[in-house]
Amino acid sequence: MSEFQLVMPKMGESIAEATIIRWTKNEGDSIAVDETVLEIATDKVDSEVPSPKAGILKKCLFKEGDVVAVNAPIAIIELEGSSSTADSTPAIHTPKVESASAKVDTNHVQPANAVAQNTVSNAGGNKFYSPLVLNIARAENISMTQLASIDGTGGEGRVTKRDILAFVQNTGTISSQVITEPNVPANSVKAEKPAVVTNTNANKPAVTLNGGDEIIEMDRMRKLIADHMVMSKHTSPHVTSFVEADVTNMVVWREKAKKVYDKRENEKITFTPMFIECVVKAIKDFPMINVTVDGYNIIKRKAINIGMAAALPSGNLIVPVIKNADNMNLVGLTKSVNGLATKARANKLSPDDIQGGTFTLTNVGGFGNVMGTPIINQPQVAILATGIIKKKPAVLETPMGDVIAIRQMMFLSLSYDHRVVDGSLGGSFLRRVADYMEQWDVNREI
């Protein structure tokens, strides 16, 4: 009988590896077409890996808990009904994955020296480093010698993202050596990478325990979120700007429209799609806020894909993405927001639902907060936080003179990457978002 190798699928933008959570099939078990073989997890989402054909699980190549690189074989499946004289070379099947040579992922551009699967020679032999680990090492100016000295916790001692980030946090050292850049043609032109300066005294603070203290281990997602937040702060110099917006027109309009919309569409209309519409308009006015950074190159995104922070039942946050939000009207945005929020609460988000974002919106007002200073969701360069809407006295200019009136006011805060977004662009963009909110037409039809 012929065999083929099931490989680790690519689960989304910038994902280079995934953790095997559980094998749903044991060696020797029969597998039907599209039946789940194992469950995997990344820092973005948990997912199931199905078999494309019927057969028997001949061998599991990794154990539960192992971290496996994208496109690496994870299981050997013996096909049912195949002739023994069939080609003995196993066919590699990648579920829901396109090879890098077949299609370029326009939502994520890897540096020229980031290779999907690369073996780096050092000292005593060959050791595998994932593209994510190599990129972090390159950004932190970690030498090959230092990289080889890290004790990996992945499969077969492989260095994971968590291992290298812990190394950076613990040592904070800089080496004059550089990482060898394999498979880069000698005549290729590469953008010079900026030097990263780290605090050589940045060591972990000592933690002491007192009587009655309880130690709670982070769950897997919380650990990955922590790593992602630290990485974002290491990557981007954060600056935050604030404005206060009079959103009375939005409040008045929604109060009139929500009953009509609920009756017609059988779902609620919240402020989130209204905020997203204003953000999209402002991005069209200031397209350089919709970019990402690759070394000294700025990649200007054509699509406007808005991520919205949503709470999971576990209390962790995830960011589903509304694709091509600029092509939707308010009804389309509302349906997308409600659909993604429902899927997030039910833990039903797919890998495609959380990838490709170019700008993120988070509503800290939902927790009763006045304002926040959110951390950028890499590889984006900006994130907007909306605060709670509160009634406040405000000065209004009228033809008869200034008056004091009770208005619905809200703070907006924009955190942005100061490498490519300066105060003028960040401040102007934020002010434009507020302007669109204040100019909301109270008589518009829905």
Protein backbone atom coordinates (compact mmCIF):
# COMPACT_ATOMS: atom_id res chain seq x y z
CA MET A 1 0.00 0.00 0.00
CA SER A 2 1.25 3.50 -0.77
CA GLU A 3 1.88 6.12 1.86
CA PHE A 4 1.86 9.89 2.12
CA GLN A 5 3.08 12.30 4.71
CA LEU A 6 0.69 14.66 6.48
CA VAL A 7 2.53 17.92 7.18
CA MET A 8 2.09 20.75 9.67
CA PRO A 9 -0.17 23.34 7.97
CA LYS A 10 0.54 27.06 7.95
CA MET A 11 -2.11 28.53 10.22
CA GLY A 12 -1.79 32.20 9.38
CA GLU A 13 0.29 35.32 8.96
CA SER A 14 3.82 35.06 10.38
CA ILE A 15 3.15 31.59 11.88
CA ALA A 16 6.31 29.47 11.59
CA GLU A 17 5.47 26.68 14.02
CA ALA A 18 2.63 25.07 15.95
CA THR A 19 2.25 22.92 19.06
CA ILE A 20 0.62 19.50 18.92
CA ILE A 21 -2.08 19.56 21.60
CA ARG A 22 -3.64 16.11 21.14
CA TRP A 23 -3.65 13.20 18.73
CA THR A 24 -7.29 12.27 18.12
CA LYS A 25 -6.17 9.10 16.32
CA ASN A 26 -3.71 6.45 17.50
CA GLU A 27 -1.29 4.47 15.38
CA GLY A 28 -3.22 1.69 13.64
CA ASP A 29 -6.55 3.54 13.69
CA SER A 30 -8.59 3.89 10.51
CA ILE A 31 -9.12 7.42 9.22
CA ALA A 32 -12.00 8.58 7.03
CA VAL A 33 -11.77 11.37 4.48
CA ASP A 34 -11.60 14.78 6.20
CA GLU A 35 -11.59 13.16 9.64
CA THR A 36 -9.54 14.95 12.28
CA VAL A 37 -6.15 13.35 12.99
CA LEU A 38 -4.79 15.78 15.56
CA GLU A 39 -5.36 19.14 17.23
CA ILE A 40 -2.73 21.88 17.06
CA ALA A 41 -2.27 25.33 18.55
CA THR A 42 -0.38 28.51 17.67
CA ASP A 43 -0.18 31.89 19.35
CA LYS A 44 -3.17 32.87 17.20
CA VAL A 45 -5.67 30.03 17.28
CA ASP A 46 -6.33 26.36 18.05
CA SER A 47 -7.30 24.19 15.10
CA GLU A 48 -7.83 20.63 13.87
CA VAL A 49 -5.80 18.94 11.13
CA PRO A 50 -7.92 16.60 8.97
CA SER A 51 -6.83 13.79 6.67
CA PRO A 52 -7.61 14.43 2.99
CA LYS A 53 -8.01 10.72 2.22
CA ALA A 54 -9.08 7.50 3.88
CA GLY A 55 -6.37 5.29 5.29
CA ILE A 56 -4.65 3.97 8.38
CA LEU A 57 -2.45 6.05 10.69
CA LYS A 58 0.83 4.20 10.36
CA LYS A 59 3.09 6.43 12.45
CA CYS A 60 2.91 9.62 14.52
CA LEU A 61 6.19 11.47 14.02
CA PHE A 62 5.82 13.75 17.06
CA LYS A 63 4.43 13.51 20.58
CA GLU A 64 1.78 15.68 22.21
CA GLY A 65 3.35 18.91 23.40
CA ASP A 66 6.01 18.97 20.68
CA VAL A 67 6.51 22.20 18.72
CA VAL A 68 6.72 21.49 14.98
CA ALA A 69 7.78 23.76 12.13
CA VAL A 70 5.31 24.62 9.37
CA ASN A 71 5.47 22.16 6.42
CA ALA A 72 7.34 19.54 8.48
CA PRO A 73 5.91 15.97 8.21
CA ILE A 74 3.90 15.05 11.31
CA ALA A 75 2.36 11.69 10.41
CA ILE A 76 2.57 8.86 7.90
CA ILE A 77 -0.76 7.61 6.61
CA GLU A 78 -1.13 4.33 4.71
CA LEU A 79 -3.70 4.76 1.96
CA GLU A 80 -6.54 2.30 1.71
CA GLY A 81 -7.20 0.51 -1.57
CA SER A 82 -3.80 1.38 -3.02
CA SER A 83 -1.79 -1.11 -5.01
CA SER A 84 1.44 -2.36 -3.50
CA THR A 85 3.11 -1.56 -6.80
CA ALA A 86 2.26 2.10 -6.47
CA ASP A 87 4.99 4.67 -6.40
CA SER A 88 6.92 4.11 -3.20
CA THR A 89 7.79 7.78 -2.86
CA PRO A 90 5.41 9.26 -0.31
CA ALA A 91 3.34 12.19 -1.53
CA ILE A 92 3.45 15.18 0.76
CA HIS A 93 0.05 16.66 1.46
CA THR A 94 -0.36 20.06 2.99
CA PRO A 95 -3.93 20.66 4.17
CA LYS A 96 -5.14 24.20 3.44
CA VAL A 97 -1.59 25.36 2.76
CA GLU A 98 -0.01 26.84 -0.34
CA SER A 99 3.70 26.45 -0.78
CA ALA A 100 5.85 29.54 -0.76
CA SER A 101 6.96 28.83 -4.34
CA ALA A 102 3.37 28.62 -5.55
CA LYS A 103 2.02 31.82 -4.08
CA VAL A 104 3.38 34.82 -2.21
CA ASP A 105 1.46 35.71 0.93
CA THR A 106 0.68 39.37 0.32
CA ASN A 107 -0.28 39.87 3.96
CA HIS A 108 3.18 39.08 5.24
CA VAL A 109 6.52 39.73 3.55
CA GLN A 110 9.44 37.85 5.03
CA PRO A 111 12.91 39.40 4.92
CA ALA A 112 15.07 37.97 2.14
CA ASN A 113 17.13 36.01 4.62
CA ALA A 114 14.17 34.39 6.39
CA VAL A 115 13.95 30.87 5.00
CA ALA A 116 10.93 28.68 5.63
CA GLN A 117 12.99 25.75 6.82
CA ASN A 118 16.65 26.40 7.34
CA THR A 119 19.46 24.35 8.87
CA VAL A 120 22.23 26.43 10.37
CA SER A 121 25.64 24.87 10.92
CA ASN A 122 27.34 25.50 14.22
CA ALA A 123 30.05 23.95 16.37
CA GLY A 124 29.05 20.32 16.86
CA GLY A 125 26.67 19.71 13.94
CA ASN A 126 23.39 20.83 12.42
CA LYS A 127 20.60 22.42 14.38
CA PHE A 128 17.22 23.61 13.12
CA TYR A 129 16.00 27.16 13.81
CA SER A 130 12.56 28.28 12.72
CA PRO A 131 12.20 31.50 10.69
CA LEU A 132 10.51 33.15 13.68
CA VAL A 133 13.46 32.35 15.95
CA LEU A 134 15.95 33.57 13.31
CA ASN A 135 14.03 36.81 12.83
CA ILE A 136 13.99 37.51 16.58
CA ALA A 137 17.69 36.68 16.83
CA ARG A 138 18.45 38.99 13.92
CA ALA A 139 16.39 41.83 15.40
CA GLU A 140 18.07 41.44 18.81
CA ASN A 141 21.55 41.09 17.25
CA ILE A 142 22.10 37.68 18.84
CA SER A 143 25.11 35.86 17.41
CA MET A 144 25.11 32.26 16.20
CA THR A 145 27.27 31.31 19.17
CA GLN A 146 24.73 32.77 21.57
CA LEU A 147 21.84 31.15 19.68
CA ALA A 148 23.53 27.74 19.87
CA SER A 149 23.98 28.13 23.63
CA ILE A 150 20.24 28.44 24.29
CA ASP A 151 18.67 25.29 25.76
CA GLY A 152 15.61 24.61 23.62
CA THR A 153 12.37 23.27 25.05
CA GLY A 154 10.92 22.25 21.68
CA GLY A 155 11.01 18.87 20.02
CA GLU A 156 14.53 17.34 20.04
CA GLY A 157 15.79 20.35 21.98
CA ARG A 158 14.78 22.87 19.32
CA VAL A 159 14.80 26.54 20.30
CA THR A 160 11.28 28.03 20.38
CA LYS A 161 10.10 31.63 20.36
CA ARG A 162 9.56 31.46 24.11
CA ASP A 163 13.14 30.23 24.64
CA ILE A 164 14.77 33.04 22.67
CA LEU A 165 12.57 35.75 24.21
CA ALA A 166 13.47 34.46 27.67
CA PHE A 167 17.14 34.58 26.67
CA VAL A 168 16.78 38.20 25.53
CA GLN A 169 15.00 39.20 28.73
CA ASN A 170 17.47 37.43 30.99
CA THR A 171 20.72 38.53 29.37
CA GLY A 172 20.04 41.65 27.34
CA THR A 173 23.52 41.25 25.84
CA ILE A 174 24.63 42.41 22.43
CA SER A 175 27.27 40.67 20.34
CA SER A 176 29.28 42.17 17.53
CA GLN A 177 28.85 38.90 15.63
CA VAL A 178 26.03 38.56 13.14
CA ILE A 179 23.86 35.64 12.19
CA THR A 180 24.87 33.88 9.01
CA GLU A 181 22.30 34.57 6.32
CA PRO A 182 21.99 31.38 4.29
CA ASN A 183 20.51 31.06 0.80
CA VAL A 184 20.90 34.76 0.01
CA PRO A 185 22.53 35.33 -3.39
CA ALA A 186 25.75 37.33 -3.25
CA ASN A 187 24.41 39.88 -5.70
CA SER A 188 21.09 40.40 -3.89
CA VAL A 189 20.35 43.85 -2.50
CA LYS A 190 19.28 43.86 1.14
CA ALA A 191 18.00 46.74 3.21
CA GLU A 192 20.35 47.46 6.09
CA LYS A 193 18.82 46.34 9.37
CA PRO A 194 18.71 48.90 12.18
CA ALA A 195 20.84 48.14 15.21
CA VAL A 196 18.85 47.22 18.30
CA VAL A 197 20.07 48.58 21.62
CA THR A 198 19.01 46.65 24.69
CA ASN A 199 19.53 47.32 28.34
CA THR A 200 22.45 45.18 29.48
CA ASN A 201 21.19 45.42 33.06
CA ALA A 202 17.65 44.30 32.23
CA ASN A 203 17.45 41.18 34.39
CA LYS A 204 14.37 39.53 35.78
CA PRO A 205 13.37 40.98 39.16
CA ALA A 206 13.66 38.60 42.09
CA VAL A 207 10.29 37.32 43.28
CA THR A 208 9.72 36.39 46.91
CA LEU A 209 6.73 34.49 48.23
CA ASN A 210 4.82 35.44 51.35
CA GLY A 211 2.51 33.36 53.48
CA GLY A 212 -0.81 32.66 51.79
CA ASP A 213 0.44 33.49 48.28
CA GLU A 214 -0.94 31.31 45.52
CA ILE A 215 1.09 30.36 42.44
CA ILE A 216 -1.05 30.19 39.29
CA GLU A 217 0.65 28.91 36.15
CA MET A 218 -0.25 30.77 32.97
CA ASP A 219 -2.26 28.77 30.48
CA ARG A 220 -0.79 28.20 27.02
CA MET A 221 -2.55 31.14 25.38
CA ARG A 222 -1.63 33.56 28.17
CA LYS A 223 2.04 32.56 27.81
CA LEU A 224 1.90 33.20 24.07
CA ILE A 225 0.13 36.53 24.55
CA ALA A 226 2.81 37.55 27.04
CA ASP A 227 5.56 36.67 24.57
CA HIS A 228 3.79 38.58 21.78
CA MET A 229 3.40 41.70 23.92
CA VAL A 230 7.06 41.67 24.96
CA MET A 231 8.08 41.15 21.34
CA SER A 232 5.96 44.13 20.25
CA LYS A 233 7.61 46.42 22.80
CA HIS A 234 11.04 45.19 21.72
CA THR A 235 10.17 45.78 18.05
CA SER A 236 8.42 49.16 18.05
CA PRO A 237 9.09 52.40 19.95
CA HIS A 238 5.56 53.13 21.13
CA VAL A 239 4.05 56.62 21.21
CA THR A 240 0.44 57.32 22.24
CA SER A 241 -1.67 60.35 21.32
CA PHE A 242 -5.10 61.27 22.72
CA VAL A 243 -8.14 63.28 21.61
CA GLU A 244 -11.59 63.78 23.10
CA ALA A 245 -14.52 63.44 20.71
CA ASP A 246 -18.11 64.61 21.01
CA VAL A 247 -20.02 61.52 19.86
CA THR A 248 -23.49 62.82 20.71
CA ASN A 249 -24.67 62.44 17.09
CA MET A 250 -23.59 58.78 17.06
CA VAL A 251 -25.41 58.07 20.32
CA VAL A 252 -28.60 59.81 19.16
CA TRP A 253 -28.55 58.06 15.76
CA ARG A 254 -27.95 54.60 17.23
CA GLU A 255 -30.75 55.08 19.75
CA LYS A 256 -33.13 55.70 16.84
CA ALA A 257 -31.72 53.05 14.52
CA LYS A 258 -31.16 50.07 16.84
CA LYS A 259 -34.84 49.08 17.14
CA VAL A 260 -35.38 49.34 13.39
CA TYR A 261 -32.22 47.38 12.66
CA ASP A 262 -32.98 44.71 15.28
CA LYS A 263 -36.46 44.16 13.86
CA ARG A 264 -35.25 44.07 10.25
CA GLU A 265 -32.02 42.08 10.61
CA ASN A 266 -32.75 40.18 13.85
CA GLU A 267 -29.45 41.31 15.38
CA LYS A 268 -28.14 44.27 17.35
CA ILE A 269 -26.13 47.19 16.03
CA THR A 270 -23.36 48.29 18.39
CA PHE A 271 -20.95 51.22 18.31
CA THR A 272 -18.10 49.02 17.04
CA PRO A 273 -19.10 48.94 13.33
CA MET A 274 -19.78 52.68 13.53
CA PHE A 275 -16.29 53.26 14.92
CA ILE A 276 -14.79 51.01 12.23
CA GLU A 277 -16.52 52.99 9.47
CA CYS A 278 -14.91 56.20 10.79
CA VAL A 279 -11.50 54.50 11.08
CA VAL A 280 -11.68 53.23 7.50
CA LYS A 281 -12.50 56.71 6.20
CA ALA A 282 -9.52 58.15 8.09
CA ILE A 283 -7.18 55.43 6.77
CA LYS A 284 -8.20 56.37 3.23
CA ASP A 285 -7.21 59.97 4.07
CA PHE A 286 -3.92 58.88 5.70
CA PRO A 287 -2.86 55.62 3.95
CA MET A 288 0.61 55.65 5.55
CA ILE A 289 -1.00 54.54 8.82
CA ASN A 290 -1.92 51.28 7.02
CA VAL A 291 1.65 50.00 6.63
CA THR A 292 4.14 47.54 8.08
CA VAL A 293 7.93 47.62 8.46
CA ASP A 294 10.48 45.20 7.02
CA GLY A 295 13.94 46.41 8.04
CA TYR A 296 14.32 49.80 6.34
CA ASN A 297 11.48 49.06 3.92
CA ILE A 298 7.92 50.31 4.45
CA ILE A 299 5.22 48.06 3.00
CA LYS A 300 2.09 50.03 2.17
CA ARG A 301 -0.97 47.79 2.42
CA LYS A 302 -3.57 47.93 -0.33
CA ALA A 303 -6.27 46.14 1.67
CA ILE A 304 -7.81 47.75 4.75
CA ASN A 305 -8.35 44.84 7.13
CA ILE A 306 -9.54 45.93 10.57
CA GLY A 307 -8.82 43.74 13.58
CA MET A 308 -11.11 44.06 16.58
CA ALA A 309 -10.07 42.83 20.00
CA ALA A 310 -12.60 40.32 21.39
CA ALA A 311 -12.74 38.48 24.70
CA LEU A 312 -12.69 34.69 24.77
CA PRO A 313 -14.61 32.68 27.40
CA SER A 314 -11.27 32.02 29.13
CA GLY A 315 -10.76 35.75 29.64
CA ASN A 316 -7.95 35.91 27.09
CA LEU A 317 -8.19 38.28 24.15
CA ILE A 318 -8.08 37.45 20.46
CA VAL A 319 -8.23 39.73 17.42
CA PRO A 320 -10.53 38.55 14.60
CA VAL A 321 -10.17 40.52 11.37
CA ILE A 322 -12.76 42.17 9.11
CA LYS A 323 -11.27 41.75 5.63
CA ASN A 324 -11.61 44.57 3.08
CA ALA A 325 -13.60 46.72 5.48
CA ASP A 326 -13.37 49.61 3.02
CA ASN A 327 -15.65 47.71 0.62
CA MET A 328 -18.46 47.30 3.16
CA ASN A 329 -21.34 49.56 4.11
CA LEU A 330 -22.50 49.92 7.71
CA VAL A 331 -24.83 46.90 7.48
CA GLY A 332 -22.00 44.74 6.12
CA LEU A 333 -19.66 45.91 8.87
CA THR A 334 -22.30 45.20 11.52
CA LYS A 335 -22.89 41.67 10.27
CA SER A 336 -19.14 41.00 10.14
CA VAL A 337 -18.59 42.37 13.66
CA ASN A 338 -21.49 40.37 15.12
CA GLY A 339 -20.51 37.20 13.30
CA LEU A 340 -16.88 37.30 14.42
CA ALA A 341 -17.84 38.19 18.00
CA THR A 342 -20.23 35.23 18.14
CA LYS A 343 -17.59 32.85 16.77
CA ALA A 344 -15.02 34.17 19.27
CA ARG A 345 -17.34 33.59 22.24
CA ALA A 346 -18.01 30.04 21.02
CA ASN A 347 -14.30 29.32 20.32
CA LYS A 348 -15.21 28.76 16.65
CA LEU A 349 -12.81 31.20 14.98
CA SER A 350 -10.91 29.74 12.04
CA PRO A 351 -7.27 30.56 11.18
CA ASP A 352 -8.47 32.76 8.32
CA ASP A 353 -10.64 34.78 10.74
CA ILE A 354 -7.61 36.07 12.66
CA GLN A 355 -4.99 36.72 10.01
CA GLY A 356 -4.22 39.53 7.60
CA GLY A 357 -5.07 42.49 9.84
CA THR A 358 -3.57 45.86 8.89
CA PHE A 359 -4.98 48.03 11.71
CA THR A 360 -6.55 47.16 15.08
CA LEU A 361 -9.37 48.68 17.14
CA THR A 362 -9.85 47.86 20.83
CA ASN A 363 -12.72 49.12 22.99
CA VAL A 364 -11.43 49.70 26.52
CA GLY A 365 -14.67 51.55 27.23
CA GLY A 366 -16.38 48.18 27.38
CA PHE A 367 -14.64 47.69 30.74
CA GLY A 368 -15.67 51.15 31.97
CA ASN A 369 -12.25 52.66 31.25
CA VAL A 370 -11.87 56.29 30.21
CA MET A 371 -8.85 55.66 27.98
CA GLY A 372 -5.98 53.23 27.42
CA THR A 373 -2.51 52.94 25.91
CA PRO A 374 -2.74 49.71 23.90
CA ILE A 375 0.26 47.73 22.64
CA ILE A 376 0.66 47.51 18.87
CA ASN A 377 -0.43 44.22 17.30
CA GLN A 378 2.65 43.34 15.24
CA PRO A 379 3.37 43.55 12.36
CA GLN A 380 0.95 46.50 12.23
CA VAL A 381 2.13 50.01 13.14
CA ALA A 382 -0.91 51.43 14.97
CA ILE A 383 -3.79 50.49 17.25
CA LEU A 384 -6.76 52.65 18.31
CA ALA A 385 -8.48 52.42 21.70
CA THR A 386 -11.96 53.84 22.32
CA GLY A 387 -12.93 54.78 25.87
CA ILE A 388 -16.25 54.81 27.67
CA ILE A 389 -18.91 57.26 26.44
CA LYS A 390 -19.91 59.62 29.27
CA LYS A 391 -22.20 62.61 29.58
CA LYS A 392 -20.18 65.76 30.30
CA PRO A 393 -20.72 69.51 30.16
CA ALA A 394 -19.13 71.00 27.05
CA VAL A 395 -18.92 74.42 25.40
CA LEU A 396 -20.80 74.64 22.10
CA GLU A 397 -20.50 77.43 19.56
CA THR A 398 -23.88 78.61 18.25
CA PRO A 399 -24.98 81.56 16.07
CA MET A 400 -26.22 83.19 19.26
CA GLY A 401 -22.90 82.68 21.08
CA ASP A 402 -21.24 80.01 23.19
CA VAL A 403 -23.40 77.83 25.41
CA ILE A 404 -22.72 75.04 27.89
CA ALA A 405 -24.58 71.81 27.12
CA ILE A 406 -24.58 68.19 28.23
CA ARG A 407 -22.82 66.12 25.54
CA GLN A 408 -21.80 62.48 25.04
CA MET A 409 -17.99 62.56 25.16
CA MET A 410 -15.38 59.87 24.54
CA PHE A 411 -11.57 59.72 24.62
CA LEU A 412 -9.68 58.12 21.74
CA SER A 413 -6.07 56.98 22.09
CA LEU A 414 -3.75 55.90 19.29
CA SER A 415 -0.54 53.96 19.95
CA TYR A 416 1.79 53.97 16.96
CA ASP A 417 5.23 52.82 15.84
CA HIS A 418 7.46 55.89 16.00
CA ARG A 419 9.91 54.35 13.52
CA VAL A 420 7.53 55.14 10.66
CA VAL A 421 4.64 57.14 12.18
CA ASP A 422 5.67 60.49 13.58
CA GLY A 423 3.59 62.76 15.78
CA SER A 424 2.21 64.73 12.86
CA LEU A 425 0.84 61.70 11.04
CA GLY A 426 -0.34 59.93 14.19
CA GLY A 427 -1.98 63.03 15.64
CA SER A 428 -3.60 64.07 12.35
CA PHE A 429 -4.99 60.60 11.74
CA LEU A 430 -6.44 60.41 15.25
CA ARG A 431 -8.00 63.84 14.93
CA ARG A 432 -9.56 62.82 11.59
CA VAL A 433 -11.15 59.74 13.15
CA ALA A 434 -12.66 61.98 15.84
CA ASP A 435 -13.88 64.43 13.18
CA TYR A 436 -15.74 61.67 11.33
CA MET A 437 -17.34 60.57 14.60
CA GLU A 438 -18.44 64.11 15.45
CA GLN A 439 -19.81 64.67 11.94
CA TRP A 440 -22.01 61.56 12.02
CA ASP A 441 -25.29 62.25 10.19
CA VAL A 442 -28.15 61.82 12.65
CA ASN A 443 -30.63 61.59 9.74
CA ARG A 444 -28.87 58.86 7.73
CA GLU A 445 -30.84 55.78 6.75
CA ILE A 446 -29.69 52.29 7.63
